[in-house]
Amino acid sequence: MTEFDGVVENINPRKIKSVKREETLKIVKFVNEGMCLAYDADSKPVFVRYVLPDELVRVNIYREHKDYAIAEPLEILEASAARIEPQCAYFSLCGGCDYQMLDYDTQLEVKKALAIDTFKSIGKMEDVEITDVIKSDPCYNYRNTETFKVGMRYKSIGFFRKDSRFVVDIEECKIAMNGINKALNAVRNGDYPKHNFKVRTTLDGDTVINWIKVDGYRDSEVYETVSAAGLSIKYKISKDSFFQVNDYVIPLWIEKIISFLDKNKNERIFDLYCGIGLITLFVGHFSSETIGVELSKSSIKDALHNLDINGGASNVKFIESAVEEVVDKLGRADVVIIDPPRKGIDQKTLDSILDISPKKIIYSSCKHQTMARDISLLSNDYKIKELALVDMFPQTRHLELLALLVKK
């Protein structure tokens, strides 16, 4: 049997041949994308969801590629001692969560190990360590945003089953904040929606339902106040603007970023892919100048509004542009903050950052595979000083990493 040591990434099971065959497999180890690895009778790698290492499992193999297969468990024949009872009745049916069968601390250990393995396999960095873990408290009922799918055929409202377009009908999401579940109940008690809809809520209890009309709810932007580092900053979040999903972790993440800055507040900072200015407006209080760059029209409009309603600091400005088109025209920077989309940083932007040669790069990402690739491309000039696991997404395979890179 050939040992599988690759990274599970960018697998699209819907493009793989559909099959149906049962096997009994011994689960070997965790891999990325919320899966575990096993081998079938022909020594082919099989990726299995909702199982744990060392378990003996009867599975249904439902997607098959010439080099690997994907399976779901039918029966746990020998359970791991680490297995616990999931809190959600829809777990393993709804596609939202991956790790509810593990206690929270064990989930964090799994995520740490997978992140380190990714930096080794993709980034070719052998000495990477997780230097800090920022936990989510609570680890359920934390999401401030959910997009609900609507299945017209069976009049179902919920989320896609893994690797399919079948909508699993749900009445409550255990990882969503209470305001979202209350809004979902209102939708169910009203006219059946004709298409998908989004619900946002805040710690202040303000909840909106976007893209459909529901009695008692606005279809509008929402405002959220974030308190961190002794500051309270108010943000407008429009229907099409991105905002981090975990209100309980956002302040801790912001404070960690601020901890990387010099205490003398004399640094010139670029905040690339800045969105609505979530990071920008905070670090502006700890810099000589901060420039946020964002392509999304909705987000940059919100960012300018947020700058205005929070006092219009003269040392903060926003630029609407693709990052790669403008970053080399902004002059010098002491610190470059990067929070890119999941695809990571394009080569032109990486080259521009190397030309700018900031003394520090602060890189936050929810896609550790592209983050490892990008940091590897910077590694001739920069080394990782700190690497924190910021758990924005408990119960799921997703993880946020925050790295401080310093010039060699």
Protein backbone atom coordinates (compact mmCIF):
# COMPACT_ATOMS: atom_id res chain seq x y z
CA MET A 1 0.00 0.00 0.00
CA THR A 2 1.35 3.42 -0.97
CA GLU A 3 1.11 5.92 1.87
CA PHE A 4 -0.98 8.94 0.89
CA ASP A 5 0.75 12.17 1.91
CA GLY A 6 -0.88 14.68 -0.41
CA VAL A 7 -3.12 17.57 0.52
CA VAL A 8 -6.85 17.26 0.00
CA GLU A 9 -7.64 20.47 -1.83
CA ASN A 10 -9.96 21.68 -4.53
CA ILE A 11 -11.77 18.36 -4.82
CA ASN A 12 -15.16 18.86 -6.47
CA PRO A 13 -17.02 15.60 -5.85
CA ARG A 14 -19.87 16.60 -8.18
CA LYS A 15 -17.39 16.30 -11.07
CA ILE A 16 -16.37 12.79 -10.06
CA LYS A 17 -18.19 9.66 -11.24
CA SER A 18 -21.16 8.70 -9.06
CA VAL A 19 -21.07 5.14 -7.72
CA LYS A 20 -22.59 3.16 -4.90
CA ARG A 21 -20.59 0.45 -3.23
CA GLU A 22 -20.08 -0.56 0.38
CA GLU A 23 -16.83 -1.39 2.11
CA THR A 24 -15.62 -1.79 5.66
CA LEU A 25 -12.64 0.50 6.26
CA LYS A 26 -10.17 1.24 9.05
CA ILE A 27 -9.80 5.01 9.36
CA VAL A 28 -6.17 6.15 9.34
CA LYS A 29 -5.93 9.89 9.99
CA PHE A 30 -7.47 13.32 9.61
CA VAL A 31 -6.92 15.19 6.35
CA ASN A 32 -8.17 18.57 5.13
CA GLU A 33 -11.68 19.48 3.96
CA GLY A 34 -13.30 17.84 7.00
CA MET A 35 -12.35 14.34 5.90
CA CYS A 36 -10.42 11.36 7.20
CA LEU A 37 -8.26 9.01 5.15
CA ALA A 38 -8.71 5.26 4.75
CA TYR A 39 -7.72 2.72 2.10
CA ASP A 40 -10.03 0.32 0.29
CA ALA A 41 -9.32 -3.34 -0.53
CA ASP A 42 -7.29 -2.27 -3.57
CA SER A 43 -5.22 0.20 -1.51
CA LYS A 44 -6.90 3.18 -3.13
CA PRO A 45 -7.19 6.24 -0.85
CA VAL A 46 -10.75 6.81 0.33
CA PHE A 47 -11.76 10.10 1.95
CA VAL A 48 -14.52 9.61 4.53
CA ARG A 49 -16.57 12.30 6.26
CA TYR A 50 -17.85 12.32 9.87
CA VAL A 51 -15.46 9.62 11.14
CA LEU A 52 -12.40 9.54 13.40
CA PRO A 53 -8.96 7.92 13.23
CA ASP A 54 -8.79 4.26 14.34
CA GLU A 55 -12.51 3.70 13.86
CA LEU A 56 -13.76 0.69 11.92
CA VAL A 57 -16.56 1.90 9.68
CA ARG A 58 -18.96 0.48 7.14
CA VAL A 59 -19.14 3.09 4.42
CA ASN A 60 -20.92 3.90 1.19
CA ILE A 61 -18.48 4.99 -1.50
CA TYR A 62 -20.50 7.47 -3.56
CA ARG A 63 -17.90 9.26 -5.71
CA GLU A 64 -14.99 7.61 -7.48
CA HIS A 65 -11.93 8.93 -9.28
CA LYS A 66 -9.20 6.77 -10.76
CA ASP A 67 -6.83 7.92 -7.97
CA TYR A 68 -9.18 8.20 -4.97
CA ALA A 69 -12.77 7.84 -3.75
CA ILE A 70 -15.12 9.69 -1.39
CA ALA A 71 -17.39 7.94 1.10
CA GLU A 72 -19.92 8.51 3.85
CA PRO A 73 -20.33 6.34 6.95
CA LEU A 74 -23.24 3.91 7.19
CA GLU A 75 -22.32 2.30 10.50
CA ILE A 76 -19.58 2.85 13.09
CA LEU A 77 -18.52 -0.71 13.91
CA GLU A 78 -15.72 0.24 16.33
CA ALA A 79 -15.98 3.79 17.68
CA SER A 80 -13.11 5.98 18.82
CA ALA A 81 -12.96 6.88 22.50
CA ALA A 82 -12.82 10.51 21.34
CA ARG A 83 -16.28 10.35 19.74
CA ILE A 84 -19.06 12.35 21.42
CA GLU A 85 -22.74 12.81 20.64
CA PRO A 86 -23.35 15.71 18.21
CA GLN A 87 -25.64 18.46 19.49
CA CYS A 88 -27.41 18.94 16.16
CA ALA A 89 -30.05 16.56 14.81
CA TYR A 90 -28.98 17.42 11.25
CA PHE A 91 -25.27 16.71 11.72
CA SER A 92 -23.89 14.62 8.82
CA LEU A 93 -27.05 15.41 6.81
CA CYS A 94 -26.76 19.20 6.52
CA GLY A 95 -23.44 20.22 4.99
CA GLY A 96 -22.60 22.96 7.49
CA CYS A 97 -20.58 21.23 10.22
CA ASP A 98 -17.78 18.66 10.14
CA TYR A 99 -16.54 18.07 13.70
CA GLN A 100 -19.52 17.98 16.07
CA MET A 101 -18.53 14.41 16.99
CA LEU A 102 -15.43 15.86 18.73
CA ASP A 103 -15.19 17.99 21.86
CA TYR A 104 -14.08 21.56 21.23
CA ASP A 105 -10.50 21.29 22.53
CA THR A 106 -9.91 18.22 20.35
CA GLN A 107 -11.26 20.10 17.32
CA LEU A 108 -8.62 22.76 17.93
CA GLU A 109 -5.86 20.15 18.16
CA VAL A 110 -7.00 18.67 14.84
CA LYS A 111 -7.00 22.09 13.18
CA LYS A 112 -3.54 22.90 14.53
CA ALA A 113 -2.13 19.64 13.19
CA LEU A 114 -3.74 20.09 9.77
CA ALA A 115 -2.47 23.66 9.49
CA ILE A 116 1.09 22.60 10.31
CA ASP A 117 0.89 19.68 7.86
CA THR A 118 -0.27 22.09 5.15
CA PHE A 119 2.65 24.44 5.74
CA LYS A 120 4.98 21.44 5.45
CA SER A 121 3.41 19.90 2.35
CA ILE A 122 2.53 23.04 0.37
CA GLY A 123 4.87 25.64 1.85
CA LYS A 124 7.80 23.25 2.33
CA MET A 125 8.35 24.81 5.76
CA GLU A 126 9.40 22.21 8.32
CA ASP A 127 9.78 24.32 11.46
CA VAL A 128 6.38 26.03 11.57
CA GLU A 129 4.62 26.10 14.94
CA ILE A 130 1.27 27.42 16.13
CA THR A 131 2.27 30.03 18.72
CA ASP A 132 -1.21 30.95 19.96
CA VAL A 133 -4.78 29.67 19.83
CA ILE A 134 -7.69 32.09 20.05
CA LYS A 135 -10.78 30.12 21.05
CA SER A 136 -14.40 30.94 20.39
CA ASP A 137 -16.58 31.33 23.45
CA PRO A 138 -19.29 30.21 22.77
CA CYS A 139 -18.49 27.45 20.30
CA TYR A 140 -22.18 27.07 19.37
CA ASN A 141 -24.68 29.81 18.41
CA TYR A 142 -21.86 32.08 17.24
CA ARG A 143 -22.55 32.80 13.55
CA ASN A 144 -23.90 36.26 12.79
CA THR A 145 -24.75 35.49 9.15
CA GLU A 146 -26.38 32.58 7.33
CA THR A 147 -27.47 32.16 3.73
CA PHE A 148 -30.37 29.72 3.58
CA LYS A 149 -31.00 27.62 0.49
CA VAL A 150 -34.54 27.11 -0.76
CA GLY A 151 -35.47 23.79 -2.39
CA MET A 152 -38.52 24.34 -4.57
CA ARG A 153 -39.23 20.68 -5.31
CA TYR A 154 -39.84 19.63 -1.71
CA LYS A 155 -40.40 23.13 -0.30
CA SER A 156 -37.36 22.79 1.95
CA ILE A 157 -35.38 25.58 3.63
CA GLY A 158 -31.89 24.87 4.92
CA PHE A 159 -28.47 23.98 3.54
CA PHE A 160 -27.02 21.78 0.83
CA ARG A 161 -26.16 18.22 1.75
CA LYS A 162 -22.42 17.63 1.28
CA ASP A 163 -21.38 17.18 -2.34
CA SER A 164 -24.91 17.72 -3.68
CA ARG A 165 -27.57 20.30 -4.50
CA PHE A 166 -30.17 18.62 -2.30
CA VAL A 167 -31.48 21.07 0.31
CA VAL A 168 -31.72 19.54 3.79
CA ASP A 169 -34.75 21.05 5.51
CA ILE A 170 -33.87 22.44 8.95
CA GLU A 171 -35.77 24.23 11.69
CA GLU A 172 -32.74 25.39 13.70
CA CYS A 173 -29.02 25.84 13.10
CA LYS A 174 -26.99 25.09 16.22
CA ILE A 175 -24.05 27.27 15.20
CA ALA A 176 -26.19 30.30 14.26
CA MET A 177 -26.92 33.08 16.74
CA ASN A 178 -30.38 33.04 18.27
CA GLY A 179 -31.56 35.99 16.20
CA ILE A 180 -30.98 33.99 13.02
CA ASN A 181 -33.00 31.01 14.23
CA LYS A 182 -35.80 33.32 15.32
CA ALA A 183 -35.82 34.89 11.84
CA LEU A 184 -35.81 31.45 10.21
CA ASN A 185 -38.91 30.58 12.21
CA ALA A 186 -40.58 33.79 10.98
CA VAL A 187 -39.81 32.84 7.37
CA ARG A 188 -41.31 29.40 7.90
CA ASN A 189 -44.47 30.92 9.35
CA GLY A 190 -44.90 33.30 6.41
CA ASP A 191 -45.20 32.90 2.65
CA TYR A 192 -42.89 30.25 1.23
CA PRO A 193 -39.80 32.03 -0.20
CA LYS A 194 -39.18 31.70 -3.91
CA HIS A 195 -35.39 31.82 -3.67
CA ASN A 196 -32.43 31.82 -1.29
CA PHE A 197 -32.23 34.45 1.43
CA LYS A 198 -29.67 35.76 3.91
CA VAL A 199 -30.09 36.58 7.59
CA ARG A 200 -27.74 38.84 9.55
CA THR A 201 -27.93 39.52 13.27
CA THR A 202 -25.88 41.44 15.83
CA LEU A 203 -25.00 41.18 19.50
CA ASP A 204 -27.27 44.20 19.93
CA GLY A 205 -30.21 42.07 18.75
CA ASP A 206 -30.71 43.81 15.41
CA THR A 207 -31.66 41.23 12.77
CA VAL A 208 -32.39 41.70 9.05
CA ILE A 209 -33.55 39.27 6.36
CA ASN A 210 -32.11 40.07 2.94
CA TRP A 211 -33.50 39.32 -0.56
CA ILE A 212 -37.05 38.46 0.59
CA LYS A 213 -39.86 40.27 2.44
CA VAL A 214 -40.87 38.97 5.87
CA ASP A 215 -43.25 40.68 8.27
CA GLY A 216 -41.38 42.29 11.16
CA TYR A 217 -37.96 42.31 9.45
CA ARG A 218 -36.13 44.85 7.28
CA ASP A 219 -34.46 43.91 4.02
CA SER A 220 -31.58 46.31 4.57
CA GLU A 221 -28.08 46.90 5.87
CA VAL A 222 -27.28 46.24 9.52
CA TYR A 223 -25.05 48.09 11.96
CA GLU A 224 -22.62 46.33 14.30
CA THR A 225 -20.42 47.76 17.05
CA VAL A 226 -17.08 46.07 17.71
CA SER A 227 -15.28 46.78 20.99
CA ALA A 228 -11.58 45.93 21.18
CA ALA A 229 -8.31 47.44 22.43
CA GLY A 230 -10.19 50.03 24.48
CA LEU A 231 -12.13 51.29 21.44
CA SER A 232 -15.70 50.87 20.21
CA ILE A 233 -16.19 51.27 16.46
CA LYS A 234 -19.51 51.13 14.64
CA TYR A 235 -19.82 49.47 11.22
CA LYS A 236 -22.46 49.59 8.55
CA ILE A 237 -22.66 46.24 6.75
CA SER A 238 -24.64 46.38 3.51
CA LYS A 239 -26.44 43.38 2.05
CA ASP A 240 -23.61 42.57 -0.35
CA SER A 241 -20.67 43.42 1.92
CA PHE A 242 -18.47 40.88 3.69
CA PHE A 243 -18.07 40.80 7.46
CA GLN A 244 -16.41 38.18 9.66
CA VAL A 245 -19.00 35.70 10.93
CA ASN A 246 -18.03 35.32 14.59
CA ASP A 247 -18.81 38.40 16.73
CA TYR A 248 -17.24 36.78 19.79
CA VAL A 249 -13.84 36.20 18.16
CA ILE A 250 -13.59 39.39 16.07
CA PRO A 251 -12.40 41.58 19.02
CA LEU A 252 -9.76 39.01 20.01
CA TRP A 253 -8.54 38.80 16.41
CA ILE A 254 -8.37 42.59 16.16
CA GLU A 255 -6.42 42.85 19.43
CA LYS A 256 -3.94 40.23 18.22
CA ILE A 257 -3.34 42.24 15.04
CA ILE A 258 -2.84 45.42 17.07
CA SER A 259 -0.36 43.60 19.30
CA PHE A 260 1.90 43.19 16.23
CA LEU A 261 2.16 46.97 15.75
CA ASP A 262 4.78 49.24 17.30
CA LYS A 263 3.65 51.01 20.45
CA ASN A 264 4.93 54.39 19.26
CA LYS A 265 2.14 54.59 16.64
CA ASN A 266 4.55 55.85 13.99
CA GLU A 267 4.05 53.11 11.38
CA ARG A 268 2.59 53.65 7.91
CA ILE A 269 0.19 50.77 7.22
CA PHE A 270 -1.47 49.33 4.13
CA ASP A 271 -4.59 47.23 4.76
CA LEU A 272 -5.09 45.24 1.55
CA TYR A 273 -8.45 43.62 0.72
CA CYS A 274 -9.83 45.80 3.53
CA GLY A 275 -13.56 45.18 3.00
CA ILE A 276 -15.73 47.58 5.01
CA GLY A 277 -12.70 48.74 7.03
CA LEU A 278 -13.02 46.34 9.95
CA ILE A 279 -9.26 46.17 10.53
CA THR A 280 -8.45 49.53 8.95
CA LEU A 281 -10.43 51.69 11.36
CA PHE A 282 -8.92 49.99 14.40
CA VAL A 283 -5.28 50.05 13.31
CA GLY A 284 -5.72 53.67 12.23
CA HIS A 285 -5.67 54.52 15.95
CA PHE A 286 -2.24 52.86 16.24
CA SER A 287 -0.48 54.23 13.15
CA SER A 288 0.77 57.43 11.59
CA GLU A 289 -1.25 56.66 8.45
CA THR A 290 -3.40 53.73 7.33
CA ILE A 291 -4.59 53.12 3.76
CA GLY A 292 -7.28 50.54 3.02
CA VAL A 293 -7.62 49.08 -0.48
CA GLU A 294 -10.72 47.20 -1.64
CA LEU A 295 -12.25 46.28 -5.02
CA SER A 296 -15.87 45.65 -3.94
CA LYS A 297 -18.02 48.76 -4.55
CA SER A 298 -20.44 47.80 -1.79
CA SER A 299 -17.66 47.27 0.73
CA ILE A 300 -15.72 50.43 -0.09
CA LYS A 301 -18.93 52.49 0.09
CA ASP A 302 -19.51 51.03 3.57
CA ALA A 303 -15.88 51.67 4.53
CA LEU A 304 -16.13 55.37 3.65
CA HIS A 305 -19.41 55.63 5.55
CA ASN A 306 -17.87 53.86 8.54
CA LEU A 307 -14.92 56.24 8.52
CA ASP A 308 -17.33 59.16 8.58
CA ILE A 309 -19.64 57.93 11.37
CA ASN A 310 -16.64 57.14 13.57
CA GLY A 311 -15.17 60.61 13.46
CA GLY A 312 -13.45 60.70 10.08
CA ALA A 313 -9.84 60.21 11.25
CA SER A 314 -7.54 62.27 9.02
CA ASN A 315 -4.82 59.60 8.99
CA VAL A 316 -7.11 56.93 7.44
CA LYS A 317 -8.15 56.76 3.81
CA PHE A 318 -9.71 54.18 1.50
CA ILE A 319 -9.05 53.44 -2.16
CA GLU A 320 -11.46 51.57 -4.43
CA SER A 321 -9.28 49.42 -6.64
CA ALA A 322 -8.06 45.95 -7.34
CA VAL A 323 -5.11 45.52 -4.97
CA GLU A 324 -2.71 44.47 -7.74
CA GLU A 325 -3.45 47.64 -9.71
CA VAL A 326 -2.63 50.15 -6.99
CA VAL A 327 -0.37 48.74 -4.28
CA ASP A 328 2.84 49.62 -6.12
CA LYS A 329 1.70 53.24 -6.42
CA LEU A 330 1.17 53.90 -2.69
CA GLY A 331 4.78 54.50 -1.72
CA ARG A 332 6.48 53.02 1.30
CA ALA A 333 4.87 51.02 4.10
CA ASP A 334 6.21 49.89 7.44
CA VAL A 335 3.44 47.28 7.77
CA VAL A 336 1.32 45.53 5.15
CA ILE A 337 -1.83 43.82 6.40
CA ILE A 338 -3.28 41.18 4.08
CA ASP A 339 -6.67 39.49 4.48
CA PRO A 340 -7.26 38.17 0.95
CA PRO A 341 -10.05 36.10 -0.58
CA ARG A 342 -9.69 32.32 -0.43
CA LYS A 343 -7.67 32.21 -3.65
CA GLY A 344 -4.86 34.06 -1.87
CA ILE A 345 -2.54 36.73 -3.26
CA ASP A 346 -1.76 37.06 -6.96
CA GLN A 347 1.85 37.10 -8.10
CA LYS A 348 1.80 40.78 -9.12
CA THR A 349 0.75 41.82 -5.62
CA LEU A 350 3.34 39.56 -4.02
CA ASP A 351 6.04 41.11 -6.20
CA SER A 352 4.85 44.61 -5.30
CA ILE A 353 4.94 43.81 -1.59
CA LEU A 354 8.50 42.53 -1.93
CA ASP A 355 9.42 45.75 -3.75
CA ILE A 356 7.85 47.86 -0.98
CA SER A 357 9.81 45.77 1.51
CA PRO A 358 7.81 46.51 4.69
CA LYS A 359 9.45 45.55 7.97
CA LYS A 360 6.34 43.52 8.88
CA ILE A 361 3.61 41.66 7.01
CA ILE A 362 0.46 40.66 8.90
CA TYR A 363 -1.38 37.93 6.99
CA SER A 364 -4.82 36.64 7.98
CA SER A 365 -6.56 33.93 5.98
CA CYS A 366 -9.41 31.43 6.14
CA LYS A 367 -7.71 29.27 3.48
CA HIS A 368 -4.51 27.89 4.97
CA GLN A 369 -3.49 26.14 1.75
CA THR A 370 -3.15 29.38 -0.23
CA MET A 371 -1.70 31.13 2.81
CA ALA A 372 1.06 28.49 3.06
CA ARG A 373 1.77 28.89 -0.67
CA ASP A 374 1.99 32.69 -0.41
CA ILE A 375 4.17 32.74 2.70
CA SER A 376 6.50 30.25 1.04
CA LEU A 377 6.88 32.68 -1.87
CA LEU A 378 7.80 35.41 0.63
CA SER A 379 10.13 33.20 2.67
CA ASN A 380 13.41 34.32 1.09
CA ASP A 381 12.82 37.77 2.57
CA TYR A 382 10.48 37.12 5.54
CA LYS A 383 10.21 34.65 8.37
CA ILE A 384 7.22 33.72 10.52
CA LYS A 385 7.55 35.25 13.97
CA GLU A 386 4.06 34.32 15.18
CA LEU A 387 1.33 32.07 13.80
CA ALA A 388 -2.01 32.04 15.60
CA LEU A 389 -4.99 29.78 15.06
CA VAL A 390 -8.03 32.06 15.30
CA ASP A 391 -11.07 29.82 15.58
CA MET A 392 -13.77 31.80 13.79
CA PHE A 393 -15.59 28.60 12.76
CA PRO A 394 -16.09 26.03 15.58
CA GLN A 395 -17.69 22.68 14.65
CA THR A 396 -16.55 23.11 11.03
CA ARG A 397 -13.42 22.25 9.06
CA HIS A 398 -12.76 25.94 8.39
CA LEU A 399 -10.03 27.77 10.27
CA GLU A 400 -8.54 31.24 10.31
CA LEU A 401 -4.80 31.68 10.66
CA LEU A 402 -3.07 34.93 11.56
CA ALA A 403 0.65 35.27 10.86
CA LEU A 404 3.19 37.93 11.72
CA LEU A 405 6.04 37.91 9.19
CA VAL A 406 9.15 39.97 9.89
CA LYS A 407 11.89 40.95 7.49
CA LYS A 408 15.01 38.79 7.70
